[in-house]
Amino acid sequence: MLILIIEDERSIREMIALALNNEGYQYLEASDAHKADSILKEQHPDLILLDWMLPGISGVDFARRLRRQDHTLNIPIIMLTAKTEEQDMVIALDSGVDDYLTKPFSTKELLARIRSLMRRTNKNLSTEQISVANLKIDLQAHRVSASGQAIDLGPTEFKLLVFFMQHPDRVFSREQILNQVWGHQTFVEERTVDVHIRRLRKALQTSGHENLVQTVRGSGYRFSASH
């Protein structure tokens, strides 16, 4: 497993790196968001350890950026911070991180949090398959098919379809879809949802499933096999 450590304090990076190495994990190091960005253009870590107080841009703002980018959207993140107030935890979790660990922490606790988060992540992305009206999503393989024929979707359309198929027959507003698919604190405009809905419908035309994505006038969108 490859873990990216984003921490500006060298002593803490070295402590974490030693603990990861002793557990057999591979790791990469970045002292700021700029260096982390460079790494993420070339590598796809399985998990990110992200310090809140980074130079230039805070870990919270960087986490929000990661959650808006397709290639980093689903990477689990643990926030590391000296902030201990409940409101700080809320801010961190709302930024899109998956867990929150306050300094000072023991390496044993850090490793336990890593194992716990990876178990949850692997469970969510297990061999689970979702199927509606002969349209099937394999979450582990990240594939969509209909009657055995593959359907090509972009990353955002794939996430959008997963969300819809996990919540069939429910009406969602554009704002709700943005929060669930793009993440809270997103800067994406609501009309972006309409653009990706059109792209999703176009991709589903090849299998005749485009009508499953239904417009509910004045409310938003619904995914349903019923008309």
Protein backbone atom coordinates (compact mmCIF):
# COMPACT_ATOMS: atom_id res chain seq x y z
CA MET A 1 0.00 0.00 0.00
CA LEU A 2 1.29 3.47 -0.93
CA ILE A 3 0.68 6.37 1.46
CA LEU A 4 1.36 10.05 0.76
CA ILE A 5 2.48 12.07 3.80
CA ILE A 6 1.77 15.80 3.42
CA GLU A 7 3.34 17.48 6.46
CA ASP A 8 5.58 20.53 6.70
CA GLU A 9 7.29 19.56 9.96
CA ARG A 10 10.23 17.35 9.07
CA SER A 11 10.39 15.61 12.45
CA ILE A 12 6.75 14.52 12.20
CA ARG A 13 7.22 13.33 8.61
CA GLU A 14 10.20 11.26 9.67
CA MET A 15 8.30 9.77 12.62
CA ILE A 16 5.39 8.79 10.38
CA ALA A 17 7.67 7.49 7.63
CA LEU A 18 9.53 5.26 10.10
CA ALA A 19 6.26 3.84 11.46
CA LEU A 20 4.93 3.18 7.95
CA ASN A 21 8.17 1.56 6.87
CA ASN A 22 8.15 -0.74 9.92
CA GLU A 23 4.64 -1.86 8.96
CA GLY A 24 5.70 -2.62 5.41
CA TYR A 25 3.91 0.33 3.83
CA GLN A 26 5.42 2.30 0.98
CA TYR A 27 5.28 6.06 1.33
CA LEU A 28 5.92 9.36 -0.39
CA GLU A 29 6.60 12.69 1.31
CA ALA A 30 5.58 16.27 0.57
CA SER A 31 6.21 19.32 2.73
CA ASP A 32 3.49 21.45 1.13
CA ALA A 33 0.51 21.30 -1.21
CA HIS A 34 2.55 22.32 -4.26
CA LYS A 35 4.89 19.35 -3.87
CA ALA A 36 1.92 17.10 -3.14
CA ASP A 37 0.26 18.22 -6.38
CA SER A 38 3.40 17.31 -8.33
CA ILE A 39 3.45 13.85 -6.76
CA LEU A 40 -0.24 13.27 -7.41
CA LYS A 41 0.22 14.01 -11.11
CA GLU A 42 2.54 10.99 -11.30
CA GLN A 43 1.36 8.70 -8.49
CA HIS A 44 -1.96 7.47 -7.15
CA PRO A 45 -1.54 6.72 -3.43
CA ASP A 46 -3.95 4.44 -1.59
CA LEU A 47 -4.26 6.91 1.29
CA ILE A 48 -3.21 10.47 2.15
CA LEU A 49 -2.08 11.75 5.56
CA LEU A 50 -2.73 15.49 5.42
CA ASP A 51 -1.58 18.14 7.89
CA TRP A 52 -4.01 21.01 8.49
CA MET A 53 -1.41 23.78 8.91
CA LEU A 54 0.49 23.77 5.64
CA PRO A 55 2.37 26.73 4.16
CA GLY A 56 0.59 28.51 1.33
CA ILE A 57 -2.71 26.65 1.47
CA SER A 58 -4.30 24.96 4.46
CA GLY A 59 -4.87 21.23 4.55
CA VAL A 60 -8.61 21.89 4.69
CA ASP A 61 -8.55 23.90 1.46
CA PHE A 62 -6.28 21.33 -0.15
CA ALA A 63 -8.66 18.53 0.83
CA ARG A 64 -11.51 20.42 -0.83
CA ARG A 65 -9.42 20.71 -3.97
CA LEU A 66 -8.66 16.99 -3.95
CA ARG A 67 -12.35 16.18 -3.64
CA ARG A 68 -13.10 18.26 -6.75
CA GLN A 69 -10.57 16.47 -8.96
CA ASP A 70 -11.48 13.21 -10.63
CA HIS A 71 -8.09 11.55 -10.13
CA THR A 72 -7.98 12.26 -6.36
CA LEU A 73 -11.70 12.24 -5.58
CA ASN A 74 -11.81 8.78 -4.00
CA ILE A 75 -8.44 8.66 -2.21
CA PRO A 76 -9.05 8.24 1.56
CA ILE A 77 -7.68 11.13 3.64
CA ILE A 78 -6.76 11.34 7.32
CA MET A 79 -6.35 14.89 8.62
CA LEU A 80 -3.53 15.48 11.12
CA THR A 81 -3.84 18.59 13.27
CA ALA A 82 -3.15 20.21 16.61
CA LYS A 83 -6.65 21.70 16.55
CA THR A 84 -8.84 19.97 19.13
CA GLU A 85 -12.11 21.91 19.18
CA GLU A 86 -15.27 20.16 18.01
CA GLN A 87 -15.90 22.88 15.44
CA ASP A 88 -12.47 22.26 13.94
CA MET A 89 -13.33 18.59 13.54
CA VAL A 90 -16.59 19.53 11.84
CA ILE A 91 -14.75 21.84 9.43
CA ALA A 92 -12.23 19.12 8.60
CA LEU A 93 -14.83 16.42 7.99
CA ASP A 94 -16.96 18.81 5.94
CA SER A 95 -13.95 19.48 3.72
CA GLY A 96 -14.10 15.86 2.60
CA VAL A 97 -11.53 14.10 4.78
CA ASP A 98 -12.43 10.63 6.06
CA ASP A 99 -10.85 10.74 9.50
CA TYR A 100 -9.31 13.25 11.91
CA LEU A 101 -6.36 12.68 14.27
CA THR A 102 -5.20 15.30 16.77
CA LYS A 103 -1.58 15.97 17.65
CA PRO A 104 0.29 14.74 19.54
CA PHE A 105 -0.62 11.19 18.53
CA SER A 106 1.11 7.85 18.90
CA THR A 107 2.23 5.96 15.83
CA LYS A 108 0.23 2.98 17.12
CA GLU A 109 -2.98 5.03 17.00
CA LEU A 110 -2.10 6.38 13.56
CA LEU A 111 -1.51 2.88 12.19
CA ALA A 112 -4.77 1.69 13.75
CA ARG A 113 -6.64 4.57 12.08
CA ILE A 114 -5.03 3.70 8.74
CA ARG A 115 -6.04 0.04 9.03
CA SER A 116 -9.57 0.97 10.08
CA LEU A 117 -10.04 3.44 7.23
CA MET A 118 -8.69 1.02 4.63
CA ARG A 119 -11.03 -1.70 5.91
CA ARG A 120 -14.00 0.65 5.51
CA THR A 121 -12.85 1.77 2.09
CA ASN A 122 -12.24 -1.76 0.84
CA LYS A 123 -15.65 -2.81 2.16
CA ASN A 124 -17.36 0.01 0.30
CA LEU A 125 -15.46 -0.85 -2.89
CA SER A 126 -15.74 -4.60 -2.57
CA THR A 127 -17.23 -6.93 -5.12
CA GLU A 128 -20.57 -5.24 -4.62
CA GLN A 129 -22.61 -4.89 -7.74
CA ILE A 130 -25.65 -2.71 -8.32
CA SER A 131 -28.22 -3.69 -10.89
CA VAL A 132 -31.34 -1.86 -12.08
CA ALA A 133 -33.33 -2.78 -15.19
CA ASN A 134 -30.49 -4.91 -16.60
CA LEU A 135 -28.05 -2.03 -16.09
CA LYS A 136 -25.18 -3.18 -13.90
CA ILE A 137 -22.34 -1.44 -12.06
CA ASP A 138 -19.34 -3.37 -10.78
CA LEU A 139 -17.93 -1.07 -8.10
CA GLN A 140 -14.68 -2.94 -7.70
CA ALA A 141 -13.90 -3.10 -11.40
CA HIS A 142 -15.30 0.42 -11.94
CA ARG A 143 -17.33 -0.82 -14.91
CA VAL A 144 -20.85 -0.29 -16.22
CA SER A 145 -22.55 -2.76 -18.51
CA ALA A 146 -25.93 -3.64 -19.97
CA SER A 147 -26.66 -7.18 -21.18
CA GLY A 148 -22.95 -7.88 -20.96
CA GLN A 149 -22.00 -4.93 -23.17
CA ALA A 150 -19.69 -2.32 -21.64
CA ILE A 151 -20.87 1.29 -21.39
CA ASP A 152 -18.17 3.95 -21.40
CA LEU A 153 -18.62 6.72 -18.82
CA GLY A 154 -16.40 9.56 -17.68
CA PRO A 155 -15.39 9.63 -13.99
CA THR A 156 -18.06 12.14 -12.99
CA GLU A 157 -20.80 10.38 -14.95
CA PHE A 158 -19.77 7.11 -13.30
CA LYS A 159 -20.08 8.63 -9.82
CA LEU A 160 -23.38 10.20 -10.78
CA LEU A 161 -24.77 6.88 -11.98
CA VAL A 162 -23.55 5.07 -8.85
CA PHE A 163 -25.29 7.64 -6.68
CA PHE A 164 -28.54 7.37 -8.64
CA MET A 165 -28.54 3.56 -8.68
CA GLN A 166 -27.85 3.42 -4.96
CA HIS A 167 -30.88 5.67 -4.38
CA PRO A 168 -33.53 4.62 -6.93
CA ASP A 169 -36.96 6.26 -7.13
CA ARG A 170 -35.91 9.23 -5.00
CA VAL A 171 -36.01 12.81 -6.22
CA PHE A 172 -32.88 14.88 -5.61
CA SER A 173 -32.42 18.59 -6.16
CA ARG A 174 -29.37 19.86 -8.03
CA GLU A 175 -27.91 21.09 -4.75
CA GLN A 176 -28.33 17.66 -3.15
CA ILE A 177 -26.70 15.99 -6.14
CA LEU A 178 -23.79 18.44 -6.00
CA ASN A 179 -23.25 17.74 -2.30
CA GLN A 180 -23.45 13.97 -2.71
CA VAL A 181 -21.51 13.54 -5.94
CA TRP A 182 -19.11 16.50 -5.99
CA GLY A 183 -18.89 16.92 -2.21
CA HIS A 184 -19.79 19.60 0.30
CA GLN A 185 -18.12 23.00 0.05
CA THR A 186 -17.90 22.56 -3.71
CA PHE A 187 -17.51 25.59 -5.95
CA VAL A 188 -19.21 23.90 -8.90
CA GLU A 189 -22.33 25.66 -10.14
CA GLU A 190 -25.67 23.86 -10.02
CA ARG A 191 -26.06 24.01 -13.80
CA THR A 192 -22.99 21.75 -14.01
CA VAL A 193 -25.31 18.97 -12.84
CA ASP A 194 -27.44 19.46 -15.94
CA VAL A 195 -24.39 19.16 -18.19
CA HIS A 196 -23.33 15.85 -16.64
CA ILE A 197 -26.90 14.55 -16.65
CA ARG A 198 -26.98 15.14 -20.40
CA ARG A 199 -23.66 13.34 -20.82
CA LEU A 200 -24.89 10.43 -18.71
CA ARG A 201 -28.09 10.12 -20.72
CA LYS A 202 -26.15 10.21 -23.98
CA ALA A 203 -23.88 7.39 -22.78
CA LEU A 204 -26.90 5.34 -21.70
CA GLN A 205 -28.56 5.74 -25.09
CA THR A 206 -26.42 2.93 -26.50
CA SER A 207 -28.24 0.45 -24.26
CA GLY A 208 -31.63 2.17 -24.26
CA HIS A 209 -31.41 3.17 -20.57
CA GLU A 210 -31.37 6.94 -20.99
CA ASN A 211 -34.98 7.27 -19.83
CA LEU A 212 -34.07 5.89 -16.39
CA VAL A 213 -32.65 9.33 -15.58
CA GLN A 214 -35.80 11.36 -15.24
CA THR A 215 -36.30 15.09 -14.90
CA VAL A 216 -38.79 16.07 -12.19
CA ARG A 217 -39.93 19.54 -13.11
CA GLY A 218 -39.36 22.09 -10.38
CA SER A 219 -37.56 19.58 -8.15
CA GLY A 220 -34.54 17.99 -9.82
CA TYR A 221 -33.80 14.48 -11.00
CA ARG A 222 -34.81 10.90 -10.21
CA PHE A 223 -33.45 7.53 -11.32
CA SER A 224 -36.21 5.01 -11.78
CA ALA A 225 -37.17 2.02 -13.91
CA SER A 226 -40.81 3.15 -13.54
CA HIS A 227 -42.24 5.78 -15.83
